[in-house]
């Protein structure tokens, strides 16, 4: 898998995670919200680790475009994670 293909795959996975967050928000009456939030938070953490490791790899290769795309993807996750944690907290209250 080329570097660009890997970056595109990661971005697609992140887009799916973001959509999942929106689905949970719409289905917030479900008894499974907490469980769904936990699962998504775990996936987000895994993606953050994968991106960080891959960024380190790319930095060693000095491939700028992939690095920029991954930094953007990481920023997307940073904005989604607090919203998901807030939703989970609100559902517990």
N, C-alpha and C. Protein backbone atom coordinates (compact mmCIF):
# COMPACT_ATOMS: atom_id res chain seq x y z
N UNK A 1 0.86 -1.18 0.00
CA UNK A 1 0.00 0.00 0.00
C UNK A 1 0.90 1.24 0.00
N UNK A 2 0.63 2.14 -0.93
CA UNK A 2 1.44 3.35 -1.01
C UNK A 2 1.10 4.29 0.15
N UNK A 3 1.97 5.26 0.36
CA UNK A 3 1.74 6.22 1.44
C UNK A 3 0.44 6.98 1.22
N UNK A 4 0.18 7.40 -0.01
CA UNK A 4 -1.06 8.14 -0.30
C UNK A 4 -2.27 7.27 -0.04
N UNK A 5 -2.22 6.00 -0.47
CA UNK A 5 -3.34 5.09 -0.23
C UNK A 5 -3.60 4.90 1.25
N UNK A 6 -2.53 4.79 2.03
CA UNK A 6 -2.67 4.61 3.47
C UNK A 6 -3.31 5.84 4.10
N UNK A 7 -2.87 7.02 3.68
CA UNK A 7 -3.44 8.26 4.21
C UNK A 7 -4.91 8.36 3.84
N UNK A 8 -5.26 8.03 2.60
CA UNK A 8 -6.66 8.07 2.18
C UNK A 8 -7.50 7.09 2.99
N UNK A 9 -6.97 5.90 3.26
CA UNK A 9 -7.69 4.91 4.06
C UNK A 9 -7.93 5.44 5.47
N UNK A 10 -6.92 6.04 6.05
CA UNK A 10 -7.07 6.61 7.40
C UNK A 10 -8.13 7.71 7.39
N UNK A 11 -8.09 8.57 6.38
CA UNK A 11 -9.09 9.64 6.30
C UNK A 11 -10.50 9.08 6.17
N UNK A 12 -10.67 8.04 5.38
CA UNK A 12 -12.00 7.43 5.23
C UNK A 12 -12.48 6.84 6.54
N UNK A 13 -11.57 6.21 7.28
CA UNK A 13 -11.94 5.65 8.58
C UNK A 13 -12.35 6.76 9.55
N UNK A 14 -11.66 7.89 9.50
CA UNK A 14 -11.99 9.01 10.37
C UNK A 14 -13.35 9.59 9.99
N UNK A 15 -13.62 9.70 8.69
CA UNK A 15 -14.93 10.18 8.25
C UNK A 15 -16.04 9.27 8.77
N UNK A 16 -15.81 7.96 8.75
CA UNK A 16 -16.79 7.01 9.29
C UNK A 16 -17.00 7.23 10.78
N UNK A 17 -15.89 7.47 11.51
CA UNK A 17 -16.00 7.73 12.94
C UNK A 17 -16.82 8.98 13.20
N UNK A 18 -16.57 10.02 12.41
CA UNK A 18 -17.32 11.27 12.57
C UNK A 18 -18.80 11.06 12.30
N UNK A 19 -19.11 10.27 11.28
CA UNK A 19 -20.51 9.96 10.98
C UNK A 19 -21.14 9.17 12.12
N UNK A 20 -20.37 8.28 12.70
CA UNK A 20 -20.88 7.49 13.83
C UNK A 20 -21.24 8.38 15.00
N UNK A 21 -20.43 9.41 15.24
CA UNK A 21 -20.73 10.36 16.32
C UNK A 21 -22.05 11.04 16.04
N UNK A 22 -22.27 11.47 14.81
CA UNK A 22 -23.53 12.12 14.44
C UNK A 22 -24.71 11.16 14.63
N UNK A 23 -24.51 9.89 14.28
CA UNK A 23 -25.58 8.90 14.46
C UNK A 23 -25.92 8.72 15.93
N UNK A 24 -24.90 8.72 16.78
CA UNK A 24 -25.15 8.58 18.22
C UNK A 24 -25.92 9.80 18.72
N UNK A 25 -25.56 10.97 18.23
CA UNK A 25 -26.27 12.19 18.66
C UNK A 25 -27.74 12.09 18.30
N UNK A 26 -28.04 11.58 17.11
CA UNK A 26 -29.44 11.46 16.67
C UNK A 26 -30.18 10.39 17.47
N UNK A 27 -29.45 9.37 17.90
CA UNK A 27 -30.06 8.24 18.59
C UNK A 27 -29.74 8.30 20.08
N UNK A 28 -29.72 9.50 20.64
CA UNK A 28 -29.27 9.67 22.02
C UNK A 28 -30.24 9.09 23.05
N UNK A 29 -31.41 8.66 22.60
CA UNK A 29 -32.37 8.06 23.54
C UNK A 29 -32.04 6.59 23.81
N UNK A 30 -31.14 6.05 23.03
CA UNK A 30 -30.79 4.63 23.16
C UNK A 30 -30.13 4.35 24.50
N UNK A 31 -30.39 3.18 25.02
CA UNK A 31 -29.74 2.74 26.26
C UNK A 31 -28.26 2.43 26.03
N UNK A 32 -27.88 2.31 24.79
CA UNK A 32 -26.52 1.91 24.46
C UNK A 32 -25.61 3.10 24.18
N UNK A 33 -26.06 4.33 24.42
CA UNK A 33 -25.25 5.50 24.10
C UNK A 33 -23.89 5.43 24.76
N UNK A 34 -23.86 5.12 26.03
CA UNK A 34 -22.60 5.06 26.77
C UNK A 34 -21.66 4.03 26.16
N UNK A 35 -22.20 2.87 25.86
CA UNK A 35 -21.40 1.80 25.24
C UNK A 35 -20.90 2.23 23.86
N UNK A 36 -21.78 2.84 23.06
CA UNK A 36 -21.39 3.28 21.73
C UNK A 36 -20.32 4.37 21.83
N UNK A 37 -20.47 5.28 22.79
CA UNK A 37 -19.48 6.33 22.99
C UNK A 37 -18.13 5.73 23.38
N UNK A 38 -18.16 4.77 24.29
CA UNK A 38 -16.91 4.11 24.71
C UNK A 38 -16.22 3.45 23.52
N UNK A 39 -17.00 2.75 22.69
CA UNK A 39 -16.42 2.09 21.52
C UNK A 39 -15.79 3.11 20.57
N UNK A 40 -16.51 4.20 20.33
CA UNK A 40 -15.97 5.22 19.43
C UNK A 40 -14.74 5.91 20.03
N UNK A 41 -14.78 6.19 21.31
CA UNK A 41 -13.61 6.80 21.96
C UNK A 41 -12.39 5.90 21.84
N UNK A 42 -12.60 4.60 21.99
CA UNK A 42 -11.50 3.65 21.85
C UNK A 42 -10.96 3.67 20.42
N UNK A 43 -11.85 3.69 19.44
CA UNK A 43 -11.43 3.73 18.04
C UNK A 43 -10.68 5.03 17.73
N UNK A 44 -11.16 6.13 18.29
CA UNK A 44 -10.48 7.42 18.09
C UNK A 44 -9.08 7.37 18.67
N UNK A 45 -8.95 6.84 19.87
CA UNK A 45 -7.62 6.72 20.48
C UNK A 45 -6.70 5.85 19.62
N UNK A 46 -7.23 4.75 19.09
CA UNK A 46 -6.43 3.87 18.23
C UNK A 46 -5.99 4.61 16.97
N UNK A 47 -6.90 5.38 16.37
CA UNK A 47 -6.56 6.15 15.16
C UNK A 47 -5.51 7.20 15.47
N UNK A 48 -5.64 7.86 16.63
CA UNK A 48 -4.66 8.88 17.01
C UNK A 48 -3.27 8.25 17.12
N UNK A 49 -3.20 7.07 17.73
CA UNK A 49 -1.91 6.38 17.85
C UNK A 49 -1.38 6.00 16.47
N UNK A 50 -2.25 5.44 15.63
CA UNK A 50 -1.84 5.05 14.29
C UNK A 50 -1.33 6.25 13.50
N UNK A 51 -2.05 7.36 13.58
CA UNK A 51 -1.64 8.56 12.86
C UNK A 51 -0.31 9.08 13.39
N UNK A 52 -0.17 9.12 14.71
CA UNK A 52 1.08 9.61 15.29
C UNK A 52 2.27 8.75 14.85
N UNK A 53 2.09 7.43 14.90
CA UNK A 53 3.16 6.54 14.46
C UNK A 53 3.47 6.74 12.98
N UNK A 54 2.43 6.89 12.18
CA UNK A 54 2.64 7.06 10.75
C UNK A 54 3.27 8.42 10.45
N UNK A 55 2.88 9.44 11.22
CA UNK A 55 3.51 10.75 11.05
C UNK A 55 5.01 10.67 11.33
N UNK A 56 5.37 9.94 12.36
CA UNK A 56 6.79 9.76 12.68
C UNK A 56 7.51 9.08 11.52
N UNK A 57 6.86 8.07 10.94
CA UNK A 57 7.43 7.39 9.79
C UNK A 57 7.60 8.35 8.61
N UNK A 58 6.56 9.13 8.33
CA UNK A 58 6.62 10.07 7.21
C UNK A 58 7.63 11.17 7.45
N UNK A 59 7.73 11.63 8.70
CA UNK A 59 8.71 12.67 9.00
C UNK A 59 10.11 12.17 8.70
N UNK A 60 10.34 10.89 8.95
CA UNK A 60 11.66 10.35 8.64
C UNK A 60 11.88 10.31 7.13
N UNK A 61 10.80 10.21 6.38
CA UNK A 61 10.90 10.21 4.92
C UNK A 61 10.74 11.62 4.33
N UNK A 62 10.33 12.54 5.21
CA UNK A 62 10.10 13.94 4.81
C UNK A 62 9.11 14.05 3.64
N UNK A 63 8.00 13.36 3.79
CA UNK A 63 6.95 13.42 2.77
C UNK A 63 5.90 14.41 3.26
N UNK A 64 5.94 15.60 2.73
CA UNK A 64 5.14 16.71 3.25
C UNK A 64 3.64 16.55 3.04
N UNK A 65 3.20 16.15 1.88
CA UNK A 65 1.76 16.12 1.58
C UNK A 65 1.02 15.16 2.51
N UNK A 66 1.55 13.96 2.68
CA UNK A 66 0.90 13.00 3.56
C UNK A 66 0.88 13.52 4.99
N UNK A 67 1.95 14.15 5.40
CA UNK A 67 2.01 14.70 6.75
C UNK A 67 0.92 15.74 6.96
N UNK A 68 0.75 16.62 5.98
CA UNK A 68 -0.28 17.65 6.09
C UNK A 68 -1.68 17.03 6.20
N UNK A 69 -1.94 16.05 5.35
CA UNK A 69 -3.25 15.39 5.37
C UNK A 69 -3.50 14.70 6.71
N UNK A 70 -2.48 14.06 7.24
CA UNK A 70 -2.64 13.38 8.52
C UNK A 70 -2.80 14.37 9.67
N UNK A 71 -2.10 15.50 9.59
CA UNK A 71 -2.30 16.52 10.62
C UNK A 71 -3.74 17.03 10.59
N UNK A 72 -4.28 17.21 9.38
CA UNK A 72 -5.68 17.63 9.26
C UNK A 72 -6.60 16.57 9.86
N UNK A 73 -6.33 15.31 9.56
CA UNK A 73 -7.15 14.22 10.09
C UNK A 73 -7.08 14.19 11.61
N UNK A 74 -5.91 14.40 12.14
CA UNK A 74 -5.74 14.39 13.59
C UNK A 74 -6.51 15.54 14.23
N UNK A 75 -6.50 16.70 13.58
CA UNK A 75 -7.27 17.84 14.10
C UNK A 75 -8.76 17.54 14.09
N UNK A 76 -9.23 16.83 13.05
CA UNK A 76 -10.64 16.44 13.00
C UNK A 76 -10.98 15.58 14.21
N UNK A 77 -10.09 14.63 14.52
CA UNK A 77 -10.34 13.76 15.67
C UNK A 77 -10.32 14.54 16.96
N UNK A 78 -9.45 15.52 17.05
CA UNK A 78 -9.36 16.32 18.27
C UNK A 78 -10.64 17.11 18.50
N UNK A 79 -11.33 17.49 17.43
CA UNK A 79 -12.58 18.23 17.59
C UNK A 79 -13.75 17.30 17.87
N UNK A 80 -13.70 16.09 17.33
CA UNK A 80 -14.80 15.14 17.53
C UNK A 80 -14.77 14.53 18.92
N UNK A 81 -13.59 14.22 19.41
CA UNK A 81 -13.47 13.51 20.69
C UNK A 81 -14.13 14.27 21.84
N UNK A 82 -13.88 15.59 22.04
CA UNK A 82 -14.54 16.27 23.15
C UNK A 82 -16.07 16.30 23.02
N UNK A 83 -16.55 16.42 21.79
CA UNK A 83 -17.99 16.41 21.57
C UNK A 83 -18.59 15.07 21.99
N UNK A 84 -17.89 14.01 21.66
CA UNK A 84 -18.36 12.68 22.01
C UNK A 84 -18.31 12.48 23.53
N UNK A 85 -17.23 12.94 24.14
CA UNK A 85 -17.13 12.83 25.60
C UNK A 85 -18.23 13.66 26.29
N UNK A 86 -18.53 14.83 25.74
CA UNK A 86 -19.59 15.68 26.29
C UNK A 86 -20.94 15.00 26.16
N UNK A 87 -21.18 14.38 25.01
CA UNK A 87 -22.43 13.65 24.79
C UNK A 87 -22.56 12.51 25.78
N UNK A 88 -21.48 11.78 25.99
CA UNK A 88 -21.50 10.67 26.93
C UNK A 88 -21.79 11.19 28.35
N UNK A 89 -21.14 12.28 28.72
CA UNK A 89 -21.32 12.85 30.05
C UNK A 89 -22.76 13.33 30.23
N UNK A 90 -23.30 13.99 29.23
CA UNK A 90 -24.67 14.50 29.30
C UNK A 90 -25.67 13.34 29.42
N UNK A 91 -25.38 12.24 28.76
CA UNK A 91 -26.29 11.10 28.81
C UNK A 91 -26.28 10.44 30.19
N UNK A 92 -25.15 10.53 30.88
CA UNK A 92 -25.05 9.95 32.23
C UNK A 92 -25.78 10.78 33.27
N UNK A 93 -25.94 12.07 33.01
CA UNK A 93 -26.54 12.97 34.01
C UNK A 93 -28.04 12.86 34.05
